[in-house]
């Protein structure tokens, strides 16, 4: 995930999780859980324009790029707003969720 820090400089954070950890909430909104305090959450709150790259590891060129506007919600608020989120693994609730309103999707190389 790429965003900007408080000085306006680009900042990139590697996110990793099991298949499906990024949830499609509706036709133009994605979300993923954050389990630990992440300095990038402050950057997202201050500069919500984000880009997310889903690489293609199947040996083909390109992947999927998503560009949009992010918002950080605490777990309780997120579960009230979106029913059907996965139950916490091993009893550990995420602290926050990052939701992204998708404004552009690019498939393949740009």
PDB file of N, CA and C in Angstrom:
ATOM      1  N   UNK A   1       0.849  -1.167   0.000  1.00  0.00           N
ATOM      2  CA  UNK A   1       0.000   0.000   0.000  1.00  0.00           C
ATOM      3  C   UNK A   1       0.890   1.224   0.000  1.00  0.00           C
ATOM      4  N   UNK A   2       0.602   2.172  -0.846  1.00  0.00           N
ATOM      5  CA  UNK A   2       1.376   3.400  -0.934  1.00  0.00           C
ATOM      6  C   UNK A   2       0.491   4.581  -0.566  1.00  0.00           C
ATOM      7  N   UNK A   3       1.063   5.496   0.202  1.00  0.00           N
ATOM      8  CA  UNK A   3       0.386   6.729   0.574  1.00  0.00           C
ATOM      9  C   UNK A   3       1.472   7.790   0.763  1.00  0.00           C
ATOM     10  N   UNK A   4       1.165   8.849   1.464  1.00  0.00           N
ATOM     11  CA  UNK A   4       2.124   9.922   1.716  1.00  0.00           C
ATOM     12  C   UNK A   4       2.250  10.137   3.215  1.00  0.00           C
ATOM     13  N   UNK A   5       3.468  10.482   3.673  1.00  0.00           N
ATOM     14  CA  UNK A   5       3.652  10.755   5.093  1.00  0.00           C
ATOM     15  C   UNK A   5       3.294  12.210   5.403  1.00  0.00           C
ATOM     16  N   UNK A   6       3.508  12.620   6.643  1.00  0.00           N
ATOM     17  CA  UNK A   6       3.125  13.967   7.081  1.00  0.00           C
ATOM     18  C   UNK A   6       3.896  15.073   6.357  1.00  0.00           C
ATOM     19  N   UNK A   7       5.048  14.739   5.742  1.00  0.00           N
ATOM     20  CA  UNK A   7       5.825  15.718   4.974  1.00  0.00           C
ATOM     21  C   UNK A   7       5.439  15.719   3.496  1.00  0.00           C
ATOM     22  N   UNK A   8       4.491  14.868   3.110  1.00  0.00           N
ATOM     23  CA  UNK A   8       4.067  14.782   1.726  1.00  0.00           C
ATOM     24  C   UNK A   8       4.935  13.880   0.878  1.00  0.00           C
ATOM     25  N   UNK A   9       5.839  13.117   1.523  1.00  0.00           N
ATOM     26  CA  UNK A   9       6.696  12.204   0.795  1.00  0.00           C
ATOM     27  C   UNK A   9       6.028  10.830   0.697  1.00  0.00           C
ATOM     28  N   UNK A  10       6.276  10.157  -0.424  1.00  0.00           N
ATOM     29  CA  UNK A  10       5.668   8.839  -0.621  1.00  0.00           C
ATOM     30  C   UNK A  10       6.138   7.855   0.431  1.00  0.00           C
ATOM     31  N   UNK A  11       5.221   7.012   0.836  1.00  0.00           N
ATOM     32  CA  UNK A  11       5.497   5.989   1.845  1.00  0.00           C
ATOM     33  C   UNK A  11       4.827   4.708   1.386  1.00  0.00           C
ATOM     34  N   UNK A  12       5.547   3.612   1.456  1.00  0.00           N
ATOM     35  CA  UNK A  12       5.027   2.331   1.005  1.00  0.00           C
ATOM     36  C   UNK A  12       5.103   1.322   2.145  1.00  0.00           C
ATOM     37  N   UNK A  13       4.051   0.542   2.333  1.00  0.00           N
ATOM     38  CA  UNK A  13       4.010  -0.479   3.371  1.00  0.00           C
ATOM     39  C   UNK A  13       3.610  -1.805   2.744  1.00  0.00           C
ATOM     40  N   UNK A  14       4.365  -2.834   3.052  1.00  0.00           N
ATOM     41  CA  UNK A  14       4.075  -4.177   2.563  1.00  0.00           C
ATOM     42  C   UNK A  14       3.034  -4.812   3.466  1.00  0.00           C
ATOM     43  N   UNK A  15       1.961  -5.292   2.905  1.00  0.00           N
ATOM     44  CA  UNK A  15       0.906  -5.978   3.648  1.00  0.00           C
ATOM     45  C   UNK A  15       0.856  -7.423   3.187  1.00  0.00           C
ATOM     46  N   UNK A  16       0.690  -8.317   4.118  1.00  0.00           N
ATOM     47  CA  UNK A  16       0.654  -9.727   3.789  1.00  0.00           C
ATOM     48  C   UNK A  16      -0.377 -10.416   4.667  1.00  0.00           C
ATOM     49  N   UNK A  17      -1.097 -11.351   4.100  1.00  0.00           N
ATOM     50  CA  UNK A  17      -2.072 -12.110   4.861  1.00  0.00           C
ATOM     51  C   UNK A  17      -2.488 -13.335   4.072  1.00  0.00           C
ATOM     52  N   UNK A  18      -3.312 -14.153   4.674  1.00  0.00           N
ATOM     53  CA  UNK A  18      -3.779 -15.354   3.967  1.00  0.00           C
ATOM     54  C   UNK A  18      -4.674 -14.962   2.791  1.00  0.00           C
ATOM     55  N   UNK A  19      -4.879 -15.866   1.850  1.00  0.00           N
ATOM     56  CA  UNK A  19      -5.777 -15.555   0.737  1.00  0.00           C
ATOM     57  C   UNK A  19      -7.117 -15.025   1.270  1.00  0.00           C
ATOM     58  N   UNK A  20      -7.568 -13.931   0.697  1.00  0.00           N
ATOM     59  CA  UNK A  20      -8.837 -13.348   1.107  1.00  0.00           C
ATOM     60  C   UNK A  20      -8.749 -12.360   2.250  1.00  0.00           C
ATOM     61  N   UNK A  21      -7.535 -12.011   2.714  1.00  0.00           N
ATOM     62  CA  UNK A  21      -7.462 -11.073   3.837  1.00  0.00           C
ATOM     63  C   UNK A  21      -7.934  -9.679   3.434  1.00  0.00           C
ATOM     64  N   UNK A  22      -7.854  -9.345   2.140  1.00  0.00           N
ATOM     65  CA  UNK A  22      -8.464  -8.109   1.650  1.00  0.00           C
ATOM     66  C   UNK A  22      -9.889  -8.467   1.264  1.00  0.00           C
ATOM     67  N   UNK A  23     -10.838  -7.811   1.900  1.00  0.00           N
ATOM     68  CA  UNK A  23     -12.258  -8.116   1.698  1.00  0.00           C
ATOM     69  C   UNK A  23     -12.892  -7.138   0.721  1.00  0.00           C
ATOM     70  N   UNK A  24     -13.734  -7.641  -0.158  1.00  0.00           N
ATOM     71  CA  UNK A  24     -14.549  -6.795  -1.016  1.00  0.00           C
ATOM     72  C   UNK A  24     -15.842  -6.530  -0.246  1.00  0.00           C
ATOM     73  N   UNK A  25     -16.065  -5.276   0.120  1.00  0.00           N
ATOM     74  CA  UNK A  25     -17.244  -4.931   0.924  1.00  0.00           C
ATOM     75  C   UNK A  25     -18.464  -4.638   0.062  1.00  0.00           C
ATOM     76  N   UNK A  26     -18.241  -4.008  -1.074  1.00  0.00           N
ATOM     77  CA  UNK A  26     -19.310  -3.770  -2.037  1.00  0.00           C
ATOM     78  C   UNK A  26     -18.656  -3.470  -3.380  1.00  0.00           C
ATOM     79  N   UNK A  27     -19.410  -2.975  -4.329  1.00  0.00           N
ATOM     80  CA  UNK A  27     -18.929  -2.833  -5.698  1.00  0.00           C
ATOM     81  C   UNK A  27     -17.714  -1.915  -5.821  1.00  0.00           C
ATOM     82  N   UNK A  28     -17.519  -0.976  -4.903  1.00  0.00           N
ATOM     83  CA  UNK A  28     -16.389  -0.060  -5.017  1.00  0.00           C
ATOM     84  C   UNK A  28     -15.659   0.170  -3.689  1.00  0.00           C
ATOM     85  N   UNK A  29     -15.696  -0.809  -2.800  1.00  0.00           N
ATOM     86  CA  UNK A  29     -15.010  -0.641  -1.511  1.00  0.00           C
ATOM     87  C   UNK A  29     -14.324  -1.935  -1.086  1.00  0.00           C
ATOM     88  N   UNK A  30     -13.043  -1.782  -0.711  1.00  0.00           N
ATOM     89  CA  UNK A  30     -12.220  -2.879  -0.189  1.00  0.00           C
ATOM     90  C   UNK A  30     -11.844  -2.568   1.255  1.00  0.00           C
ATOM     91  N   UNK A  31     -11.439  -3.599   1.983  1.00  0.00           N
ATOM     92  CA  UNK A  31     -10.974  -3.382   3.356  1.00  0.00           C
ATOM     93  C   UNK A  31     -10.046  -4.509   3.771  1.00  0.00           C
ATOM     94  N   UNK A  32      -9.158  -4.198   4.701  1.00  0.00           N
ATOM     95  CA  UNK A  32      -8.315  -5.222   5.314  1.00  0.00           C
ATOM     96  C   UNK A  32      -8.092  -4.873   6.774  1.00  0.00           C
ATOM     97  N   UNK A  33      -7.880  -5.898   7.601  1.00  0.00           N
ATOM     98  CA  UNK A  33      -7.688  -5.666   9.036  1.00  0.00           C
ATOM     99  C   UNK A  33      -6.245  -5.281   9.350  1.00  0.00           C
ATOM    100  N   UNK A  34      -6.091  -4.508  10.406  1.00  0.00           N
ATOM    101  CA  UNK A  34      -4.776  -4.153  10.957  1.00  0.00           C
ATOM    102  C   UNK A  34      -4.755  -4.654  12.395  1.00  0.00           C
ATOM    103  N   UNK A  35      -3.826  -5.542  12.700  1.00  0.00           N
ATOM    104  CA  UNK A  35      -3.796  -6.185  14.002  1.00  0.00           C
ATOM    105  C   UNK A  35      -2.873  -5.520  15.013  1.00  0.00           C
ATOM    106  N   UNK A  36      -1.901  -4.773  14.550  1.00  0.00           N
ATOM    107  CA  UNK A  36      -0.987  -4.103  15.464  1.00  0.00           C
ATOM    108  C   UNK A  36      -0.958  -2.632  15.133  1.00  0.00           C
ATOM    109  N   UNK A  37      -0.464  -1.842  16.065  1.00  0.00           N
ATOM    110  CA  UNK A  37      -0.362  -0.412  15.807  1.00  0.00           C
ATOM    111  C   UNK A  37       0.574  -0.193  14.627  1.00  0.00           C
ATOM    112  N   UNK A  38       0.104   0.501  13.646  1.00  0.00           N
ATOM    113  CA  UNK A  38       0.844   0.683  12.405  1.00  0.00           C
ATOM    114  C   UNK A  38       1.029   2.172  12.156  1.00  0.00           C
ATOM    115  N   UNK A  39       2.268   2.610  12.041  1.00  0.00           N
ATOM    116  CA  UNK A  39       2.529   4.025  11.815  1.00  0.00           C
ATOM    117  C   UNK A  39       1.894   4.508  10.528  1.00  0.00           C
ATOM    118  N   UNK A  40       1.706   3.631   9.566  1.00  0.00           N
ATOM    119  CA  UNK A  40       1.100   4.014   8.305  1.00  0.00           C
ATOM    120  C   UNK A  40      -0.358   4.443   8.476  1.00  0.00           C
ATOM    121  N   UNK A  41      -1.030   3.995   9.519  1.00  0.00           N
ATOM    122  CA  UNK A  41      -2.421   4.389   9.732  1.00  0.00           C
ATOM    123  C   UNK A  41      -2.542   5.892   9.915  1.00  0.00           C
ATOM    124  N   UNK A  42      -1.576   6.498  10.566  1.00  0.00           N
ATOM    125  CA  UNK A  42      -1.588   7.949  10.727  1.00  0.00           C
ATOM    126  C   UNK A  42      -1.438   8.640   9.377  1.00  0.00           C
ATOM    127  N   UNK A  43      -0.592   8.092   8.522  1.00  0.00           N
ATOM    128  CA  UNK A  43      -0.416   8.653   7.185  1.00  0.00           C
ATOM    129  C   UNK A  43      -1.700   8.542   6.375  1.00  0.00           C
ATOM    130  N   UNK A  44      -2.369   7.408   6.485  1.00  0.00           N
ATOM    131  CA  UNK A  44      -3.626   7.218   5.767  1.00  0.00           C
ATOM    132  C   UNK A  44      -4.673   8.213   6.251  1.00  0.00           C
ATOM    133  N   UNK A  45      -4.743   8.427   7.555  1.00  0.00           N
ATOM    134  CA  UNK A  45      -5.717   9.373   8.094  1.00  0.00           C
ATOM    135  C   UNK A  45      -5.415  10.795   7.622  1.00  0.00           C
ATOM    136  N   UNK A  46      -4.133  11.152   7.557  1.00  0.00           N
ATOM    137  CA  UNK A  46      -3.753  12.507   7.158  1.00  0.00           C
ATOM    138  C   UNK A  46      -3.798  12.700   5.642  1.00  0.00           C
ATOM    139  N   UNK A  47      -3.472  11.663   4.880  1.00  0.00           N
ATOM    140  CA  UNK A  47      -3.410  11.721   3.417  1.00  0.00           C
ATOM    141  C   UNK A  47      -4.099  10.482   2.850  1.00  0.00           C
ATOM    142  N   UNK A  48      -5.406  10.533   2.677  1.00  0.00           N
ATOM    143  CA  UNK A  48      -6.162   9.315   2.351  1.00  0.00           C
ATOM    144  C   UNK A  48      -6.033   8.800   0.920  1.00  0.00           C
ATOM    145  N   UNK A  49      -5.323   9.498   0.039  1.00  0.00           N
ATOM    146  CA  UNK A  49      -5.125   8.978  -1.312  1.00  0.00           C
ATOM    147  C   UNK A  49      -4.149   7.808  -1.247  1.00  0.00           C
ATOM    148  N   UNK A  50      -4.594   6.626  -1.647  1.00  0.00           N
ATOM    149  CA  UNK A  50      -3.749   5.432  -1.566  1.00  0.00           C
ATOM    150  C   UNK A  50      -3.745   4.673  -2.886  1.00  0.00           C
ATOM    151  N   UNK A  51      -2.698   3.883  -3.046  1.00  0.00           N
ATOM    152  CA  UNK A  51      -2.592   2.941  -4.158  1.00  0.00           C
ATOM    153  C   UNK A  51      -2.226   1.592  -3.581  1.00  0.00           C
ATOM    154  N   UNK A  52      -2.810   0.555  -4.133  1.00  0.00           N
ATOM    155  CA  UNK A  52      -2.552  -0.808  -3.672  1.00  0.00           C
ATOM    156  C   UNK A  52      -2.199  -1.625  -4.908  1.00  0.00           C
ATOM    157  N   UNK A  53      -1.150  -2.420  -4.807  1.00  0.00           N
ATOM    158  CA  UNK A  53      -0.745  -3.285  -5.911  1.00  0.00           C
ATOM    159  C   UNK A  53      -0.900  -4.731  -5.464  1.00  0.00           C
ATOM    160  N   UNK A  54      -1.597  -5.502  -6.268  1.00  0.00           N
ATOM    161  CA  UNK A  54      -1.727  -6.940  -6.066  1.00  0.00           C
ATOM    162  C   UNK A  54      -0.899  -7.596  -7.166  1.00  0.00           C
ATOM    163  N   UNK A  55       0.335  -8.020  -6.846  1.00  0.00           N
ATOM    164  CA  UNK A  55       1.196  -8.599  -7.886  1.00  0.00           C
ATOM    165  C   UNK A  55       0.654  -9.921  -8.409  1.00  0.00           C
ATOM    166  N   UNK A  56       1.023 -10.236  -9.626  1.00  0.00           N
ATOM    167  CA  UNK A  56       0.649 -11.505 -10.235  1.00  0.00           C
ATOM    168  C   UNK A  56       1.846 -12.440 -10.096  1.00  0.00           C
ATOM    169  N   UNK A  57       1.730 -13.426  -9.259  1.00  0.00           N
ATOM    170  CA  UNK A  57       2.828 -14.358  -9.023  1.00  0.00           C
ATOM    171  C   UNK A  57       2.730 -15.613  -9.884  1.00  0.00           C
ATOM    172  N   UNK A  58       1.910 -15.583 -10.921  1.00  0.00           N
ATOM    173  CA  UNK A  58       1.727 -16.761 -11.763  1.00  0.00           C
ATOM    174  C   UNK A  58       2.644 -16.749 -12.979  1.00  0.00           C
ATOM    175  N   UNK A  59       3.659 -15.894 -12.955  1.00  0.00           N
ATOM    176  CA  UNK A  59       4.614 -15.862 -14.044  1.00  0.00           C
ATOM    177  C   UNK A  59       4.212 -14.978 -15.202  1.00  0.00           C
ATOM    178  N   UNK A  60       3.072 -14.324 -15.120  1.00  0.00           N
ATOM    179  CA  UNK A  60       2.637 -13.425 -16.173  1.00  0.00           C
ATOM    180  C   UNK A  60       2.968 -11.993 -15.771  1.00  0.00           C
ATOM    181  N   UNK A  61       3.107 -11.126 -16.761  1.00  0.00           N
ATOM    182  CA  UNK A  61       3.412  -9.724 -16.477  1.00  0.00           C
ATOM    183  C   UNK A  61       2.209  -9.036 -15.841  1.00  0.00           C
ATOM    184  N   UNK A  62       2.507  -8.009 -15.077  1.00  0.00           N
ATOM    185  CA  UNK A  62       1.449  -7.170 -14.528  1.00  0.00           C
ATOM    186  C   UNK A  62       0.854  -7.688 -13.250  1.00  0.00           C
ATOM    187  N   UNK A  63      -0.291  -7.216 -12.954  1.00  0.00           N
ATOM    188  CA  UNK A  63      -1.011  -7.538 -11.739  1.00  0.00           C
ATOM    189  C   UNK A  63      -2.233  -6.641 -11.698  1.00  0.00           C
ATOM    190  N   UNK A  64      -2.640  -6.271 -10.518  1.00  0.00           N
ATOM    191  CA  UNK A  64      -3.809  -5.424 -10.342  1.00  0.00           C
ATOM    192  C   UNK A  64      -3.409  -4.226  -9.497  1.00  0.00           C
ATOM    193  N   UNK A  65      -3.713  -3.035  -9.971  1.00  0.00           N
ATOM    194  CA  UNK A  65      -3.459  -1.807  -9.218  1.00  0.00           C
ATOM    195  C   UNK A  65      -4.802  -1.179  -8.872  1.00  0.00           C
ATOM    196  N   UNK A  66      -4.952  -0.776  -7.625  1.00  0.00           N
ATOM    197  CA  UNK A  66      -6.175  -0.129  -7.166  1.00  0.00           C
ATOM    198  C   UNK A  66      -5.795   1.228  -6.598  1.00  0.00           C
ATOM    199  N   UNK A  67      -6.492   2.264  -7.038  1.00  0.00           N
ATOM    200  CA  UNK A  67      -6.252   3.620  -6.552  1.00  0.00           C
ATOM    201  C   UNK A  67      -7.548   4.139  -5.961  1.00  0.00           C
ATOM    202  N   UNK A  68      -7.461   4.794  -4.800  1.00  0.00           N
ATOM    203  CA  UNK A  68      -8.670   5.300  -4.185  1.00  0.00           C
ATOM    204  C   UNK A  68      -8.411   6.121  -2.940  1.00  0.00           C
ATOM    205  N   UNK A  69      -9.472   6.292  -2.189  1.00  0.00           N
ATOM    206  CA  UNK A  69      -9.442   7.090  -0.968  1.00  0.00           C
ATOM    207  C   UNK A  69      -9.687   6.178   0.228  1.00  0.00           C
ATOM    208  N   UNK A  70      -8.784   6.238   1.187  1.00  0.00           N
ATOM    209  CA  UNK A  70      -8.839   5.335   2.345  1.00  0.00           C
ATOM    210  C   UNK A  70      -9.408   6.026   3.571  1.00  0.00           C
ATOM    211  N   UNK A  71      -9.905   5.198   4.460  1.00  0.00           N
ATOM    212  CA  UNK A  71     -10.416   5.650   5.749  1.00  0.00           C
ATOM    213  C   UNK A  71     -10.086   4.565   6.761  1.00  0.00           C
ATOM    214  N   UNK A  72      -9.706   4.967   7.967  1.00  0.00           N
ATOM    215  CA  UNK A  72      -9.383   4.021   9.029  1.00  0.00           C
ATOM    216  C   UNK A  72     -10.549   3.965  10.007  1.00  0.00           C
ATOM    217  N   UNK A  73     -11.023   2.750  10.292  1.00  0.00           N
ATOM    218  CA  UNK A  73     -12.106   2.543  11.255  1.00  0.00           C
ATOM    219  C   UNK A  73     -11.638   1.569  12.328  1.00  0.00           C
ATOM    220  N   UNK A  74     -12.095   1.771  13.549  1.00  0.00           N
ATOM    221  CA  UNK A  74     -11.786   0.787  14.586  1.00  0.00           C
ATOM    222  C   UNK A  74     -12.640  -0.459  14.338  1.00  0.00           C
ATOM    223  N   UNK A  75     -12.218  -1.586  14.912  1.00  0.00           N
ATOM    224  CA  UNK A  75     -12.871  -2.870  14.649  1.00  0.00           C
ATOM    225  C   UNK A  75     -14.355  -2.843  15.009  1.00  0.00           C
ATOM    226  N   UNK A  76     -14.690  -2.256  16.122  1.00  0.00           N
ATOM    227  CA  UNK A  76     -16.094  -2.225  16.564  1.00  0.00           C
ATOM    228  C   UNK A  76     -16.977  -1.467  15.569  1.00  0.00           C
ATOM    229  N   UNK A  77     -16.511  -0.299  15.134  1.00  0.00           N
ATOM    230  CA  UNK A  77     -17.279   0.492  14.162  1.00  0.00           C
ATOM    231  C   UNK A  77     -17.417  -0.250  12.835  1.00  0.00           C
ATOM    232  N   UNK A  78     -16.350  -0.900  12.432  1.00  0.00           N
ATOM    233  CA  UNK A  78     -16.366  -1.642  11.175  1.00  0.00           C
ATOM    234  C   UNK A  78     -17.374  -2.782  11.222  1.00  0.00           C
ATOM    235  N   UNK A  79     -17.416  -3.496  12.334  1.00  0.00           N
ATOM    236  CA  UNK A  79     -18.345  -4.620  12.456  1.00  0.00           C
ATOM    237  C   UNK A  79     -19.800  -4.155  12.536  1.00  0.00           C
ATOM    238  N   UNK A  80     -20.029  -2.952  13.068  1.00  0.00           N
ATOM    239  CA  UNK A  80     -21.385  -2.398  13.057  1.00  0.00           C
ATOM    240  C   UNK A  80     -21.801  -2.000  11.646  1.00  0.00           C
ATOM    241  N   UNK A  81     -20.850  -1.468  10.881  1.00  0.00           N
ATOM    242  CA  UNK A  81     -21.159  -0.973   9.538  1.00  0.00           C
ATOM    243  C   UNK A  81     -21.261  -2.096   8.502  1.00  0.00           C
ATOM    244  N   UNK A  82     -20.461  -3.155   8.680  1.00  0.00           N
ATOM    245  CA  UNK A  82     -20.412  -4.234   7.682  1.00  0.00           C
ATOM    246  C   UNK A  82     -20.619  -5.570   8.360  1.00  0.00           C
ATOM    247  N   UNK A  83     -21.766  -6.143   8.127  1.00  0.00           N
ATOM    248  CA  UNK A  83     -22.073  -7.471   8.660  1.00  0.00           C
ATOM    249  C   UNK A  83     -21.307  -8.521   7.853  1.00  0.00           C
ATOM    250  N   UNK A  84     -21.053  -9.657   8.452  1.00  0.00           N
ATOM    251  CA  UNK A  84     -20.446 -10.758   7.731  1.00  0.00           C
ATOM    252  C   UNK A  84     -18.933 -10.718   7.637  1.00  0.00           C
ATOM    253  N   UNK A  85     -18.295  -9.846   8.401  1.00  0.00           N
ATOM    254  CA  UNK A  85     -16.830  -9.872   8.416  1.00  0.00           C
ATOM    255  C   UNK A  85     -16.378 -11.150   9.102  1.00  0.00           C
ATOM    256  N   UNK A  86     -15.218 -11.650   8.748  1.00  0.00           N
ATOM    257  CA  UNK A  86     -14.762 -12.906   9.350  1.00  0.00           C
ATOM    258  C   UNK A  86     -14.565 -12.773  10.850  1.00  0.00           C
ATOM    259  N   UNK A  87     -14.819 -13.858  11.539  1.00  0.00           N
ATOM    260  CA  UNK A  87     -14.579 -13.895  12.976  1.00  0.00           C
ATOM    261  C   UNK A  87     -13.081 -13.829  13.234  1.00  0.00           C
ATOM    262  N   UNK A  88     -12.707 -13.263  14.364  1.00  0.00           N
ATOM    263  CA  UNK A  88     -11.280 -13.152  14.688  1.00  0.00           C
ATOM    264  C   UNK A  88     -10.613 -14.522  14.744  1.00  0.00           C
ATOM    265  N   UNK A  89      -9.386 -14.588  14.219  1.00  0.00           N
ATOM    266  CA  UNK A  89      -8.627 -15.830  14.272  1.00  0.00           C
ATOM    267  C   UNK A  89      -7.962 -15.955  15.630  1.00  0.00           C
ATOM    268  N   UNK A  90      -8.103 -17.112  16.240  1.00  0.00           N
ATOM    269  CA  UNK A  90      -7.484 -17.403  17.538  1.00  0.00           C
ATOM    270  C   UNK A  90      -7.897 -16.386  18.611  1.00  0.00           C
ATOM    271  N   UNK A  91      -9.111 -15.832  18.470  1.00  0.00           N
ATOM    272  CA  UNK A  91      -9.625 -14.884  19.460  1.00  0.00           C
ATOM    273  C   UNK A  91      -8.996 -13.506  19.414  1.00  0.00           C
ATOM    274  N   UNK A  92      -8.208 -13.217  18.383  1.00  0.00           N
ATOM    275  CA  UNK A  92      -7.534 -11.923  18.285  1.00  0.00           C
ATOM    276  C   UNK A  92      -8.305 -11.028  17.322  1.00  0.00           C
ATOM    277  N   UNK A  93      -8.870  -9.949  17.854  1.00  0.00           N
ATOM    278  CA  UNK A  93      -9.589  -8.980  17.030  1.00  0.00           C
ATOM    279  C   UNK A  93      -8.605  -7.996  16.416  1.00  0.00           C
ATOM    280  N   UNK A  94      -8.849  -7.589  15.173  1.00  0.00           N
ATOM    281  CA  UNK A  94      -8.018  -6.514  14.628  1.00  0.00           C
ATOM    282  C   UNK A  94      -8.286  -5.228  15.401  1.00  0.00           C
ATOM    283  N   UNK A  95      -7.295  -4.377  15.517  1.00  0.00           N
ATOM    284  CA  UNK A  95      -7.489  -3.088  16.177  1.00  0.00           C
ATOM    285  C   UNK A  95      -8.241  -2.132  15.263  1.00  0.00           C
ATOM    286  N   UNK A  96      -7.884  -2.158  13.981  1.00  0.00           N
ATOM    287  CA  UNK A  96      -8.460  -1.243  12.999  1.00  0.00           C
ATOM    288  C   UNK A  96      -8.703  -1.975  11.692  1.00  0.00           C
ATOM    289  N   UNK A  97      -9.440  -1.308  10.829  1.00  0.00           N
ATOM    290  CA  UNK A  97      -9.600  -1.741   9.444  1.00  0.00           C
ATOM    291  C   UNK A  97      -9.292  -0.531   8.572  1.00  0.00           C
ATOM    292  N   UNK A  98      -8.662  -0.777   7.444  1.00  0.00           N
ATOM    293  CA  UNK A  98      -8.489   0.262   6.437  1.00  0.00           C
ATOM    294  C   UNK A  98      -9.487  -0.052   5.322  1.00  0.00           C
ATOM    295  N   UNK A  99     -10.357   0.902   5.035  1.00  0.00           N
ATOM    296  CA  UNK A  99     -11.296   0.744   3.923  1.00  0.00           C
ATOM    297  C   UNK A  99     -10.837   1.670   2.798  1.00  0.00           C
ATOM    298  N   UNK A 100     -11.028   1.228   1.575  1.00  0.00           N
ATOM    299  CA  UNK A 100     -10.631   2.030   0.420  1.00  0.00           C
ATOM    300  C   UNK A 100     -11.815   2.140  -0.527  1.00  0.00           C
ATOM    301  N   UNK A 101     -12.208   3.385  -0.794  1.00  0.00           N
ATOM    302  CA  UNK A 101     -13.206   3.648  -1.828  1.00  0.00           C
ATOM    303  C   UNK A 101     -12.455   3.631  -3.156  1.00  0.00           C
ATOM    304  N   UNK A 102     -12.747   2.650  -4.000  1.00  0.00           N
ATOM    305  CA  UNK A 102     -12.010   2.428  -5.245  1.00  0.00           C
ATOM    306  C   UNK A 102     -12.439   3.452  -6.294  1.00  0.00           C
ATOM    307  N   UNK A 103     -11.452   4.189  -6.801  1.00  0.00           N
ATOM    308  CA  UNK A 103     -11.707   5.187  -7.833  1.00  0.00           C
ATOM    309  C   UNK A 103     -11.160   4.775  -9.195  1.00  0.00           C
ATOM    310  N   UNK A 104     -10.136   3.915  -9.198  1.00  0.00           N
ATOM    311  CA  UNK A 104      -9.561   3.458 -10.462  1.00  0.00           C
ATOM    312  C   UNK A 104      -8.929   2.078 -10.250  1.00  0.00           C
ATOM    313  N   UNK A 105      -9.092   1.221 -11.247  1.00  0.00           N
ATOM    314  CA  UNK A 105      -8.466  -0.103 -11.234  1.00  0.00           C
ATOM    315  C   UNK A 105      -7.726  -0.272 -12.554  1.00  0.00           C
ATOM    316  N   UNK A 106      -6.471  -0.707 -12.461  1.00  0.00           N
ATOM    317  CA  UNK A 106      -5.662  -0.950 -13.654  1.00  0.00           C
ATOM    318  C   UNK A 106      -5.236  -2.417 -13.621  1.00  0.00           C
ATOM    319  N   UNK A 107      -5.520  -3.143 -14.705  1.00  0.00           N
ATOM    320  CA  UNK A 107      -5.123  -4.536 -14.797  1.00  0.00           C
ATOM    321  C   UNK A 107      -3.943  -4.633 -15.752  1.00  0.00           C
ATOM    322  N   UNK A 108      -2.871  -5.280 -15.318  1.00  0.00           N
ATOM    323  CA  UNK A 108      -1.676  -5.420 -16.144  1.00  0.00           C
ATOM    324  C   UNK A 108      -0.710  -4.278 -15.918  1.00  0.00           C
ATOM    325  N   UNK A 109       0.280  -4.190 -16.772  1.00  0.00           N
ATOM    326  CA  UNK A 109       1.285  -3.128 -16.675  1.00  0.00           C
ATOM    327  C   UNK A 109       0.712  -1.809 -17.137  1.00  0.00           C
ATOM    328  N   UNK A 110       1.230  -0.749 -16.568  1.00  0.00           N
ATOM    329  CA  UNK A 110       0.777   0.586 -16.964  1.00  0.00           C
ATOM    330  C   UNK A 110       1.909   1.337 -17.586  1.00  0.00           C
TER     331      UNK A 110
END
